[in-house]
Amino acid sequence: MIDEGYTKYECDWREAPALPEEAVAELNAWRNRLHEQGLIGYYPQHGVGFGNVSIREGDTDAFLISGTQTGDIARTDERHYARVTRCDIEANKVHCEGPVQASSEALTHAAIYALDPAIRAVVHVHSVAMWNKLIDTFPTTSRDVSYGTPEMAREFRRLYEETDFGQQGVAIMGGHEEGIVSFGRDVGQATERVLQHQD
């Protein structure tokens, strides 16, 4: 079974109404564009979705993120997002609220937001072509580290301190085949940083 789509952290989820449409409108528009490009989607042979997007909420550590297992939905809306209110990376725990649970990659998003308050959006996509082209050329996490774990969170800190990840805003997940992560000052920049590497 592919190592994808399963939540590996402890999730403290409080079911709540959908976020206001205006709160996720821009995030959702870019997410749907990524879905159209096949960079967010669904593996029917494995029954799991892939790819997720998030934006920081104001000047806080909270963020809005696409829900777990929403990759198969072509056109998402406010019902498909969660608010992550708090993360404890070392304890491997995520606190979230909304109509769906946060993405299985929420811990990774939290770790990237913790690197710099100027980071306002994070995008995680899948592309075998880009992954094969950019691995070990762009900042790349250890092949021994799995997604959605405290170890992966620490890997992004290492890349931020030891490579140009902080400048170019794109990293390859060495132990998460096809996985690519980008960040930006907004979700548009984070998305374009990925799209520019498509063949």
N, C-alpha and C. Protein backbone atom coordinates (compact mmCIF):
# COMPACT_ATOMS: atom_id res chain seq x y z
N MET A 1 0.85 -1.21 0.00
CA MET A 1 0.00 0.00 0.00
C MET A 1 0.88 1.25 0.00
N ILE A 2 0.51 2.20 -0.80
CA ILE A 2 1.24 3.46 -0.88
C ILE A 2 1.20 4.18 0.46
N ASP A 3 2.33 4.81 0.79
CA ASP A 3 2.42 5.54 2.05
C ASP A 3 1.87 6.94 1.83
N GLU A 4 0.56 7.06 1.81
CA GLU A 4 -0.07 8.33 1.44
C GLU A 4 -1.48 8.38 2.00
N GLY A 5 -1.88 9.59 2.41
CA GLY A 5 -3.28 9.82 2.71
C GLY A 5 -3.73 9.44 4.11
N TYR A 6 -2.84 8.89 4.92
CA TYR A 6 -3.25 8.45 6.24
C TYR A 6 -2.68 9.38 7.31
N THR A 7 -3.52 9.76 8.25
CA THR A 7 -3.11 10.66 9.31
C THR A 7 -2.24 9.92 10.31
N LYS A 8 -1.02 10.42 10.52
CA LYS A 8 -0.07 9.74 11.41
C LYS A 8 0.07 10.45 12.75
N TYR A 9 -0.53 11.62 12.87
CA TYR A 9 -0.48 12.34 14.14
C TYR A 9 -1.77 12.09 14.92
N GLU A 10 -1.73 12.43 16.22
CA GLU A 10 -2.95 12.38 17.02
C GLU A 10 -3.77 13.61 16.70
N CYS A 11 -5.01 13.42 16.32
CA CYS A 11 -5.86 14.53 15.89
C CYS A 11 -6.95 14.80 16.91
N ASP A 12 -6.91 16.00 17.48
CA ASP A 12 -7.98 16.47 18.36
C ASP A 12 -8.89 17.35 17.52
N TRP A 13 -9.95 16.76 16.97
CA TRP A 13 -10.84 17.44 16.03
C TRP A 13 -12.16 17.79 16.70
N ARG A 14 -12.53 19.07 16.60
CA ARG A 14 -13.84 19.50 17.08
C ARG A 14 -14.70 19.80 15.87
N GLU A 15 -15.75 19.01 15.68
CA GLU A 15 -16.62 19.24 14.53
C GLU A 15 -17.31 20.60 14.69
N ALA A 16 -17.30 21.39 13.64
CA ALA A 16 -17.83 22.75 13.68
C ALA A 16 -18.37 23.11 12.30
N PRO A 17 -19.17 24.19 12.22
CA PRO A 17 -19.70 24.60 10.91
C PRO A 17 -18.59 24.96 9.93
N ALA A 18 -18.93 24.99 8.66
CA ALA A 18 -17.98 25.37 7.62
C ALA A 18 -17.46 26.77 7.87
N LEU A 19 -16.23 27.00 7.46
CA LEU A 19 -15.64 28.33 7.54
C LEU A 19 -16.40 29.27 6.60
N PRO A 20 -16.38 30.57 6.86
CA PRO A 20 -17.03 31.50 5.94
C PRO A 20 -16.45 31.38 4.53
N GLU A 21 -17.31 31.46 3.54
CA GLU A 21 -16.86 31.29 2.15
C GLU A 21 -15.72 32.25 1.81
N GLU A 22 -15.83 33.50 2.28
CA GLU A 22 -14.81 34.49 1.95
C GLU A 22 -13.45 34.17 2.58
N ALA A 23 -13.47 33.41 3.68
CA ALA A 23 -12.22 33.07 4.37
C ALA A 23 -11.36 32.11 3.56
N VAL A 24 -12.01 31.29 2.72
CA VAL A 24 -11.26 30.29 1.97
C VAL A 24 -11.32 30.52 0.46
N ALA A 25 -11.93 31.60 0.01
CA ALA A 25 -12.18 31.81 -1.42
C ALA A 25 -10.89 31.76 -2.24
N GLU A 26 -9.88 32.53 -1.85
CA GLU A 26 -8.64 32.56 -2.63
C GLU A 26 -7.91 31.22 -2.53
N LEU A 27 -7.84 30.68 -1.32
CA LEU A 27 -7.20 29.38 -1.11
C LEU A 27 -7.87 28.32 -1.97
N ASN A 28 -9.18 28.31 -1.97
CA ASN A 28 -9.94 27.32 -2.72
C ASN A 28 -9.74 27.47 -4.23
N ALA A 29 -9.68 28.70 -4.72
CA ALA A 29 -9.49 28.93 -6.15
C ALA A 29 -8.15 28.34 -6.62
N TRP A 30 -7.10 28.56 -5.84
CA TRP A 30 -5.79 28.02 -6.21
C TRP A 30 -5.77 26.50 -6.04
N ARG A 31 -6.44 25.99 -5.02
CA ARG A 31 -6.51 24.55 -4.83
C ARG A 31 -7.17 23.90 -6.04
N ASN A 32 -8.27 24.47 -6.50
CA ASN A 32 -8.97 23.89 -7.64
C ASN A 32 -8.14 23.97 -8.92
N ARG A 33 -7.31 25.01 -9.04
CA ARG A 33 -6.41 25.08 -10.19
C ARG A 33 -5.39 23.94 -10.13
N LEU A 34 -4.85 23.68 -8.94
CA LEU A 34 -3.89 22.59 -8.78
C LEU A 34 -4.55 21.24 -9.09
N HIS A 35 -5.81 21.11 -8.72
CA HIS A 35 -6.53 19.87 -9.03
C HIS A 35 -6.67 19.71 -10.54
N GLU A 36 -6.99 20.79 -11.23
CA GLU A 36 -7.11 20.75 -12.69
C GLU A 36 -5.81 20.33 -13.36
N GLN A 37 -4.68 20.70 -12.73
CA GLN A 37 -3.36 20.36 -13.27
C GLN A 37 -2.93 18.95 -12.89
N GLY A 38 -3.73 18.25 -12.09
CA GLY A 38 -3.39 16.90 -11.65
C GLY A 38 -2.39 16.85 -10.52
N LEU A 39 -2.11 17.99 -9.91
CA LEU A 39 -1.13 18.05 -8.82
C LEU A 39 -1.76 17.80 -7.45
N ILE A 40 -3.06 17.91 -7.37
CA ILE A 40 -3.87 17.45 -6.25
C ILE A 40 -4.87 16.48 -6.85
N GLY A 41 -5.09 15.36 -6.19
CA GLY A 41 -5.99 14.38 -6.79
C GLY A 41 -6.21 13.15 -5.94
N TYR A 42 -6.35 12.02 -6.62
CA TYR A 42 -6.80 10.79 -5.97
C TYR A 42 -6.17 9.60 -6.67
N TYR A 43 -5.67 8.65 -5.87
CA TYR A 43 -5.14 7.40 -6.41
C TYR A 43 -6.25 6.34 -6.30
N PRO A 44 -6.98 6.08 -7.37
CA PRO A 44 -8.08 5.11 -7.27
C PRO A 44 -7.62 3.71 -6.91
N GLN A 45 -6.42 3.34 -7.34
CA GLN A 45 -5.93 1.99 -7.05
C GLN A 45 -5.64 1.79 -5.56
N HIS A 46 -5.43 2.90 -4.84
CA HIS A 46 -5.15 2.81 -3.41
C HIS A 46 -6.28 3.37 -2.55
N GLY A 47 -7.22 4.07 -3.20
CA GLY A 47 -8.34 4.63 -2.45
C GLY A 47 -7.99 5.79 -1.55
N VAL A 48 -6.95 6.55 -1.92
CA VAL A 48 -6.54 7.69 -1.09
C VAL A 48 -6.31 8.94 -1.94
N GLY A 49 -6.54 10.09 -1.34
CA GLY A 49 -6.29 11.35 -2.00
C GLY A 49 -4.87 11.83 -1.75
N PHE A 50 -4.45 12.84 -2.52
CA PHE A 50 -3.13 13.43 -2.31
C PHE A 50 -3.19 14.92 -2.60
N GLY A 51 -2.28 15.64 -1.95
CA GLY A 51 -2.15 17.08 -2.15
C GLY A 51 -3.01 17.89 -1.19
N ASN A 52 -2.50 19.05 -0.76
CA ASN A 52 -3.22 19.91 0.18
C ASN A 52 -2.64 21.31 0.14
N VAL A 53 -3.46 22.27 0.58
CA VAL A 53 -3.06 23.67 0.58
C VAL A 53 -3.50 24.31 1.90
N SER A 54 -2.77 25.37 2.30
CA SER A 54 -3.15 26.07 3.53
C SER A 54 -2.73 27.53 3.46
N ILE A 55 -3.36 28.33 4.31
CA ILE A 55 -2.97 29.73 4.50
C ILE A 55 -2.97 30.04 5.99
N ARG A 56 -2.00 30.88 6.38
CA ARG A 56 -1.94 31.32 7.76
C ARG A 56 -3.12 32.23 8.07
N GLU A 57 -3.63 32.13 9.28
CA GLU A 57 -4.77 32.95 9.69
C GLU A 57 -4.26 34.18 10.44
N GLY A 58 -4.30 35.32 9.76
CA GLY A 58 -3.84 36.57 10.38
C GLY A 58 -2.39 36.49 10.81
N ASP A 59 -2.10 37.04 11.99
CA ASP A 59 -0.74 37.03 12.53
C ASP A 59 -0.60 35.96 13.61
N THR A 60 -1.35 34.90 13.49
CA THR A 60 -1.34 33.84 14.50
C THR A 60 -0.61 32.62 13.97
N ASP A 61 -0.51 31.58 14.80
CA ASP A 61 0.04 30.30 14.36
C ASP A 61 -1.05 29.39 13.80
N ALA A 62 -2.30 29.84 13.85
CA ALA A 62 -3.41 29.06 13.30
C ALA A 62 -3.39 29.16 11.77
N PHE A 63 -3.94 28.14 11.12
CA PHE A 63 -4.02 28.18 9.66
C PHE A 63 -5.22 27.40 9.17
N LEU A 64 -5.66 27.75 7.96
CA LEU A 64 -6.76 27.07 7.30
C LEU A 64 -6.18 26.10 6.29
N ILE A 65 -6.67 24.86 6.28
CA ILE A 65 -6.08 23.83 5.43
C ILE A 65 -7.17 22.95 4.83
N SER A 66 -6.90 22.45 3.65
CA SER A 66 -7.85 21.52 3.04
C SER A 66 -7.98 20.27 3.91
N GLY A 67 -9.16 19.69 3.86
CA GLY A 67 -9.46 18.55 4.72
C GLY A 67 -8.84 17.26 4.23
N THR A 68 -8.68 16.32 5.16
CA THR A 68 -8.16 15.02 4.79
C THR A 68 -9.11 14.31 3.83
N GLN A 69 -8.53 13.61 2.88
CA GLN A 69 -9.28 12.83 1.89
C GLN A 69 -10.29 13.66 1.08
N THR A 70 -9.83 14.84 0.64
CA THR A 70 -10.65 15.66 -0.25
C THR A 70 -10.05 15.72 -1.65
N GLY A 71 -8.97 14.99 -1.89
CA GLY A 71 -8.28 15.03 -3.18
C GLY A 71 -9.12 14.56 -4.35
N ASP A 72 -10.13 13.72 -4.07
CA ASP A 72 -10.97 13.21 -5.15
C ASP A 72 -12.06 14.18 -5.58
N ILE A 73 -12.19 15.29 -4.87
CA ILE A 73 -13.25 16.27 -5.17
C ILE A 73 -12.70 17.30 -6.16
N ALA A 74 -13.32 17.36 -7.33
CA ALA A 74 -12.81 18.24 -8.38
C ALA A 74 -12.95 19.72 -8.01
N ARG A 75 -14.10 20.09 -7.45
CA ARG A 75 -14.36 21.49 -7.11
C ARG A 75 -14.76 21.57 -5.64
N THR A 76 -13.83 21.89 -4.80
CA THR A 76 -14.11 22.01 -3.37
C THR A 76 -14.72 23.38 -3.06
N ASP A 77 -15.24 23.51 -1.83
CA ASP A 77 -15.76 24.78 -1.34
C ASP A 77 -15.50 24.85 0.16
N GLU A 78 -16.14 25.79 0.83
CA GLU A 78 -15.84 26.03 2.24
C GLU A 78 -16.11 24.82 3.14
N ARG A 79 -16.87 23.85 2.66
CA ARG A 79 -17.18 22.66 3.47
C ARG A 79 -16.00 21.69 3.54
N HIS A 80 -14.96 21.96 2.77
CA HIS A 80 -13.87 21.02 2.65
C HIS A 80 -12.57 21.52 3.28
N TYR A 81 -12.70 22.46 4.23
CA TYR A 81 -11.53 23.04 4.89
C TYR A 81 -11.67 22.98 6.40
N ALA A 82 -10.53 22.93 7.07
CA ALA A 82 -10.49 22.92 8.53
C ALA A 82 -9.60 24.05 9.02
N ARG A 83 -9.82 24.48 10.24
CA ARG A 83 -8.94 25.45 10.90
C ARG A 83 -8.07 24.68 11.89
N VAL A 84 -6.77 24.77 11.71
CA VAL A 84 -5.85 24.19 12.68
C VAL A 84 -5.55 25.26 13.72
N THR A 85 -5.95 25.00 14.93
CA THR A 85 -5.82 26.01 15.99
C THR A 85 -4.50 25.90 16.74
N ARG A 86 -3.95 24.70 16.80
CA ARG A 86 -2.70 24.50 17.55
C ARG A 86 -2.06 23.20 17.12
N CYS A 87 -0.71 23.18 17.10
CA CYS A 87 0.04 21.97 16.81
C CYS A 87 1.14 21.81 17.84
N ASP A 88 1.34 20.59 18.28
CA ASP A 88 2.49 20.25 19.13
C ASP A 88 3.31 19.24 18.34
N ILE A 89 4.33 19.74 17.68
CA ILE A 89 5.10 18.89 16.76
C ILE A 89 5.78 17.76 17.51
N GLU A 90 6.41 18.06 18.63
CA GLU A 90 7.14 17.02 19.35
C GLU A 90 6.19 15.95 19.90
N ALA A 91 4.99 16.36 20.29
CA ALA A 91 4.01 15.40 20.80
C ALA A 91 3.21 14.74 19.67
N ASN A 92 3.45 15.19 18.42
CA ASN A 92 2.79 14.62 17.25
C ASN A 92 1.26 14.78 17.36
N LYS A 93 0.83 16.00 17.72
CA LYS A 93 -0.60 16.23 17.94
C LYS A 93 -1.05 17.50 17.24
N VAL A 94 -2.24 17.41 16.60
CA VAL A 94 -2.83 18.54 15.90
C VAL A 94 -4.23 18.79 16.45
N HIS A 95 -4.53 20.04 16.77
CA HIS A 95 -5.86 20.45 17.22
C HIS A 95 -6.52 21.19 16.06
N CYS A 96 -7.71 20.75 15.66
CA CYS A 96 -8.37 21.41 14.54
C CYS A 96 -9.88 21.42 14.75
N GLU A 97 -10.55 22.26 13.94
CA GLU A 97 -12.00 22.36 14.01
C GLU A 97 -12.54 22.65 12.62
N GLY A 98 -13.79 22.27 12.41
CA GLY A 98 -14.44 22.49 11.13
C GLY A 98 -15.28 21.31 10.73
N PRO A 99 -15.85 21.34 9.52
CA PRO A 99 -16.71 20.25 9.07
C PRO A 99 -15.95 18.99 8.70
N VAL A 100 -14.63 19.11 8.48
CA VAL A 100 -13.77 17.97 8.17
C VAL A 100 -12.51 18.06 9.00
N GLN A 101 -11.83 16.93 9.15
CA GLN A 101 -10.54 16.93 9.83
C GLN A 101 -9.48 17.51 8.90
N ALA A 102 -8.44 18.09 9.51
CA ALA A 102 -7.34 18.65 8.74
C ALA A 102 -6.60 17.57 7.96
N SER A 103 -5.96 18.00 6.88
CA SER A 103 -5.15 17.11 6.06
C SER A 103 -4.16 16.30 6.88
N SER A 104 -3.83 15.12 6.35
CA SER A 104 -2.82 14.28 7.01
C SER A 104 -1.44 14.94 7.01
N GLU A 105 -1.27 16.01 6.22
CA GLU A 105 0.00 16.74 6.18
C GLU A 105 -0.01 17.98 7.07
N ALA A 106 -1.01 18.14 7.92
CA ALA A 106 -1.12 19.37 8.73
C ALA A 106 0.11 19.62 9.58
N LEU A 107 0.73 18.57 10.09
CA LEU A 107 1.92 18.74 10.93
C LEU A 107 3.07 19.33 10.13
N THR A 108 3.21 18.91 8.88
CA THR A 108 4.24 19.46 8.00
C THR A 108 3.98 20.93 7.73
N HIS A 109 2.74 21.30 7.45
CA HIS A 109 2.39 22.70 7.22
C HIS A 109 2.74 23.53 8.46
N ALA A 110 2.38 23.02 9.64
CA ALA A 110 2.68 23.75 10.89
C ALA A 110 4.18 23.96 11.05
N ALA A 111 4.96 22.96 10.71
CA ALA A 111 6.42 23.07 10.85
C ALA A 111 6.98 24.14 9.93
N ILE A 112 6.42 24.26 8.74
CA ILE A 112 6.90 25.26 7.79
C ILE A 112 6.49 26.66 8.24
N TYR A 113 5.27 26.82 8.74
CA TYR A 113 4.86 28.13 9.27
C TYR A 113 5.75 28.57 10.42
N ALA A 114 6.22 27.60 11.21
CA ALA A 114 7.05 27.92 12.37
C ALA A 114 8.43 28.44 11.97
N LEU A 115 8.82 28.26 10.72
CA LEU A 115 10.14 28.71 10.28
C LEU A 115 10.26 30.22 10.20
N ASP A 116 9.16 30.90 9.83
CA ASP A 116 9.23 32.34 9.57
C ASP A 116 7.81 32.90 9.54
N PRO A 117 7.53 33.97 10.31
CA PRO A 117 6.18 34.56 10.28
C PRO A 117 5.82 35.14 8.92
N ALA A 118 6.80 35.36 8.04
CA ALA A 118 6.52 35.89 6.71
C ALA A 118 5.93 34.82 5.79
N ILE A 119 6.04 33.55 6.18
CA ILE A 119 5.44 32.48 5.39
C ILE A 119 3.93 32.51 5.65
N ARG A 120 3.17 32.74 4.56
CA ARG A 120 1.72 32.92 4.70
C ARG A 120 0.90 31.81 4.06
N ALA A 121 1.54 30.96 3.27
CA ALA A 121 0.82 29.88 2.59
C ALA A 121 1.76 28.72 2.32
N VAL A 122 1.20 27.51 2.34
CA VAL A 122 1.97 26.29 2.06
C VAL A 122 1.16 25.43 1.10
N VAL A 123 1.86 24.86 0.12
CA VAL A 123 1.23 23.99 -0.88
C VAL A 123 2.00 22.68 -0.92
N HIS A 124 1.27 21.58 -0.92
CA HIS A 124 1.88 20.25 -1.07
C HIS A 124 1.20 19.55 -2.23
N VAL A 125 1.99 19.18 -3.24
CA VAL A 125 1.45 18.54 -4.43
C VAL A 125 2.19 17.24 -4.71
N HIS A 126 1.67 16.50 -5.69
CA HIS A 126 2.33 15.29 -6.16
C HIS A 126 2.54 15.39 -7.66
N SER A 127 3.75 15.06 -8.09
CA SER A 127 4.07 14.98 -9.51
C SER A 127 5.29 14.09 -9.67
N VAL A 128 5.10 12.94 -10.29
CA VAL A 128 6.24 12.03 -10.47
C VAL A 128 7.28 12.65 -11.39
N ALA A 129 6.84 13.39 -12.41
CA ALA A 129 7.78 14.01 -13.34
C ALA A 129 8.62 15.08 -12.65
N MET A 130 7.97 16.00 -11.92
CA MET A 130 8.71 17.04 -11.22
C MET A 130 9.59 16.44 -10.13
N TRP A 131 9.06 15.46 -9.42
CA TRP A 131 9.81 14.84 -8.32
C TRP A 131 11.10 14.22 -8.85
N ASN A 132 11.00 13.49 -9.94
CA ASN A 132 12.19 12.86 -10.52
C ASN A 132 13.18 13.89 -11.06
N LYS A 133 12.66 15.00 -11.58
CA LYS A 133 13.52 16.03 -12.15
C LYS A 133 14.24 16.84 -11.07
N LEU A 134 13.56 17.09 -9.96
CA LEU A 134 14.09 18.03 -8.97
C LEU A 134 14.75 17.39 -7.75
N ILE A 135 14.51 16.09 -7.52
CA ILE A 135 15.06 15.46 -6.32
C ILE A 135 16.59 15.57 -6.32
N ASP A 136 17.13 15.95 -5.18
CA ASP A 136 18.57 16.14 -4.95
C ASP A 136 19.16 17.30 -5.74
N THR A 137 18.36 17.95 -6.60
CA THR A 137 18.78 19.19 -7.23
C THR A 137 18.26 20.36 -6.41
N PHE A 138 17.01 20.26 -6.01
CA PHE A 138 16.41 21.21 -5.07
C PHE A 138 16.61 20.67 -3.65
N PRO A 139 16.44 21.52 -2.63
CA PRO A 139 16.53 21.01 -1.25
C PRO A 139 15.62 19.79 -1.08
N THR A 140 16.18 18.71 -0.54
CA THR A 140 15.47 17.43 -0.48
C THR A 140 15.58 16.85 0.93
N THR A 141 14.43 16.45 1.46
CA THR A 141 14.42 15.83 2.79
C THR A 141 14.98 14.40 2.69
N SER A 142 15.39 13.88 3.81
CA SER A 142 15.97 12.53 3.87
C SER A 142 14.98 11.49 3.35
N ARG A 143 15.49 10.53 2.62
CA ARG A 143 14.67 9.43 2.13
C ARG A 143 14.20 8.51 3.25
N ASP A 144 14.80 8.65 4.42
CA ASP A 144 14.45 7.79 5.55
C ASP A 144 13.33 8.37 6.41
N VAL A 145 12.83 9.55 6.02
CA VAL A 145 11.83 10.24 6.84
C VAL A 145 10.49 10.26 6.11
N SER A 146 9.45 9.81 6.80
CA SER A 146 8.10 9.71 6.24
C SER A 146 7.33 11.02 6.44
N TYR A 147 6.30 11.21 5.59
CA TYR A 147 5.46 12.41 5.69
C TYR A 147 4.66 12.40 6.99
N GLY A 148 4.23 13.59 7.41
CA GLY A 148 3.29 13.71 8.51
C GLY A 148 3.82 13.29 9.86
N THR A 149 5.13 13.37 10.06
CA THR A 149 5.75 12.95 11.31
C THR A 149 6.59 14.08 11.90
N PRO A 150 6.89 14.02 13.21
CA PRO A 150 7.78 15.03 13.79
C PRO A 150 9.16 15.05 13.11
N GLU A 151 9.61 13.88 12.64
CA GLU A 151 10.90 13.81 11.96
C GLU A 151 10.88 14.63 10.67
N MET A 152 9.77 14.58 9.94
CA MET A 152 9.65 15.39 8.73
C MET A 152 9.65 16.87 9.08
N ALA A 153 8.99 17.23 10.14
CA ALA A 153 8.99 18.63 10.58
C ALA A 153 10.41 19.10 10.85
N ARG A 154 11.19 18.26 11.51
CA ARG A 154 12.59 18.62 11.79
C ARG A 154 13.42 18.70 10.51
N GLU A 155 13.09 17.88 9.52
CA GLU A 155 13.79 17.92 8.24
C GLU A 155 13.62 19.27 7.55
N PHE A 156 12.42 19.83 7.62
CA PHE A 156 12.22 21.13 6.98
C PHE A 156 12.99 22.23 7.71
N ARG A 157 13.11 22.13 9.01
CA ARG A 157 13.96 23.07 9.75
C ARG A 157 15.41 22.95 9.29
N ARG A 158 15.87 21.72 9.13
CA ARG A 158 17.25 21.50 8.66
C ARG A 158 17.45 22.12 7.27
N LEU A 159 16.52 21.87 6.36
CA LEU A 159 16.64 22.43 5.01
C LEU A 159 16.63 23.95 5.04
N TYR A 160 15.80 24.51 5.90
CA TYR A 160 15.69 25.97 6.00
C TYR A 160 17.01 26.57 6.47
N GLU A 161 17.70 25.88 7.36
CA GLU A 161 18.95 26.39 7.94
C GLU A 161 20.17 26.08 7.10
N GLU A 162 20.13 24.97 6.32
CA GLU A 162 21.35 24.50 5.66
C GLU A 162 21.34 24.64 4.14
N THR A 163 20.18 24.96 3.55
CA THR A 163 20.08 25.05 2.09
C THR A 163 19.42 26.37 1.71
N ASP A 164 19.12 26.53 0.42
CA ASP A 164 18.43 27.76 -0.03
C ASP A 164 16.92 27.59 -0.06
N PHE A 165 16.40 26.62 0.69
CA PHE A 165 14.96 26.43 0.79
C PHE A 165 14.25 27.72 1.19
N GLY A 166 14.84 28.47 2.10
CA GLY A 166 14.23 29.71 2.56
C GLY A 166 14.12 30.77 1.48
N GLN A 167 15.03 30.73 0.49
CA GLN A 167 15.00 31.71 -0.60
C GLN A 167 14.09 31.27 -1.74
N GLN A 168 14.20 30.01 -2.17
CA GLN A 168 13.41 29.59 -3.34
C GLN A 168 12.05 29.04 -2.98
N GLY A 169 11.87 28.61 -1.73
CA GLY A 169 10.55 28.23 -1.27
C GLY A 169 10.00 26.93 -1.81
N VAL A 170 10.87 26.05 -2.32
CA VAL A 170 10.43 24.74 -2.83
C VAL A 170 11.35 23.66 -2.28
N ALA A 171 10.76 22.56 -1.83
CA ALA A 171 11.55 21.42 -1.36
C ALA A 171 10.92 20.12 -1.84
N ILE A 172 11.76 19.12 -2.01
CA ILE A 172 11.34 17.80 -2.45
C ILE A 172 11.35 16.87 -1.23
N MET A 173 10.30 16.07 -1.11
CA MET A 173 10.20 15.14 0.01
C MET A 173 10.82 13.81 -0.42
N GLY A 174 12.06 13.59 -0.02
CA GLY A 174 12.81 12.43 -0.48
C GLY A 174 12.19 11.09 -0.09
N GLY A 175 11.58 11.04 1.08
CA GLY A 175 10.98 9.80 1.55
C GLY A 175 9.49 9.70 1.29
N HIS A 176 8.99 10.58 0.45
CA HIS A 176 7.54 10.64 0.16
C HIS A 176 7.41 10.78 -1.35
N GLU A 177 7.46 9.65 -2.06
CA GLU A 177 7.55 9.65 -3.51
C GLU A 177 6.48 10.53 -4.15
N GLU A 178 6.93 11.38 -5.06
CA GLU A 178 6.12 12.35 -5.80
C GLU A 178 5.85 13.62 -5.01
N GLY A 179 6.15 13.67 -3.70
CA GLY A 179 5.78 14.79 -2.86
C GLY A 179 6.69 16.00 -3.01
N ILE A 180 6.06 17.16 -3.21
CA ILE A 180 6.76 18.44 -3.34
C ILE A 180 6.03 19.46 -2.47
N VAL A 181 6.79 20.29 -1.76
CA VAL A 181 6.22 21.30 -0.88
C VAL A 181 6.76 22.67 -1.28
N SER A 182 5.89 23.66 -1.28
CA SER A 182 6.32 25.04 -1.50
C SER A 182 5.63 25.96 -0.52
N PHE A 183 6.22 27.14 -0.33
CA PHE A 183 5.58 28.15 0.51
C PHE A 183 5.70 29.50 -0.16
N GLY A 184 4.96 30.48 0.36
CA GLY A 184 5.04 31.82 -0.21
C GLY A 184 4.43 32.86 0.68
N ARG A 185 4.49 34.11 0.21
CA ARG A 185 3.89 35.22 0.96
C ARG A 185 2.37 35.18 0.84
N ASP A 186 1.87 34.43 -0.16
CA ASP A 186 0.44 34.17 -0.31
C ASP A 186 0.31 32.87 -1.09
N VAL A 187 -0.91 32.36 -1.20
CA VAL A 187 -1.10 31.06 -1.83
C VAL A 187 -0.82 31.12 -3.34
N GLY A 188 -1.00 32.29 -3.94
CA GLY A 188 -0.66 32.43 -5.35
C GLY A 188 0.82 32.23 -5.59
N GLN A 189 1.67 32.87 -4.79
CA GLN A 189 3.11 32.70 -4.95
C GLN A 189 3.52 31.26 -4.68
N ALA A 190 2.99 30.66 -3.63
CA ALA A 190 3.33 29.28 -3.30
C ALA A 190 2.97 28.35 -4.45
N THR A 191 1.81 28.57 -5.06
CA THR A 191 1.37 27.73 -6.17
C THR A 191 2.22 27.95 -7.41
N GLU A 192 2.50 29.20 -7.75
CA GLU A 192 3.29 29.49 -8.94
C GLU A 192 4.71 28.94 -8.82
N ARG A 193 5.23 28.88 -7.60
CA ARG A 193 6.56 28.31 -7.40
C ARG A 193 6.61 26.83 -7.80
N VAL A 194 5.48 26.17 -7.69
CA VAL A 194 5.38 24.77 -8.15
C VAL A 194 5.11 24.72 -9.65
N LEU A 195 4.14 25.49 -10.11
CA LEU A 195 3.72 25.40 -11.51
C LEU A 195 4.86 25.74 -12.49
N GLN A 196 5.78 26.58 -12.08
CA GLN A 196 6.84 26.97 -12.99
C GLN A 196 7.79 25.82 -13.32
N HIS A 197 7.71 24.74 -12.56
CA HIS A 197 8.59 23.60 -12.81
C HIS A 197 7.92 22.47 -13.56
N GLN A 198 6.67 22.70 -13.99
CA GLN A 198 6.00 21.71 -14.82
C GLN A 198 6.62 21.69 -16.21
N ASP A 199 6.71 20.52 -16.80
CA ASP A 199 7.24 20.42 -18.18
C ASP A 199 6.18 20.88 -19.17
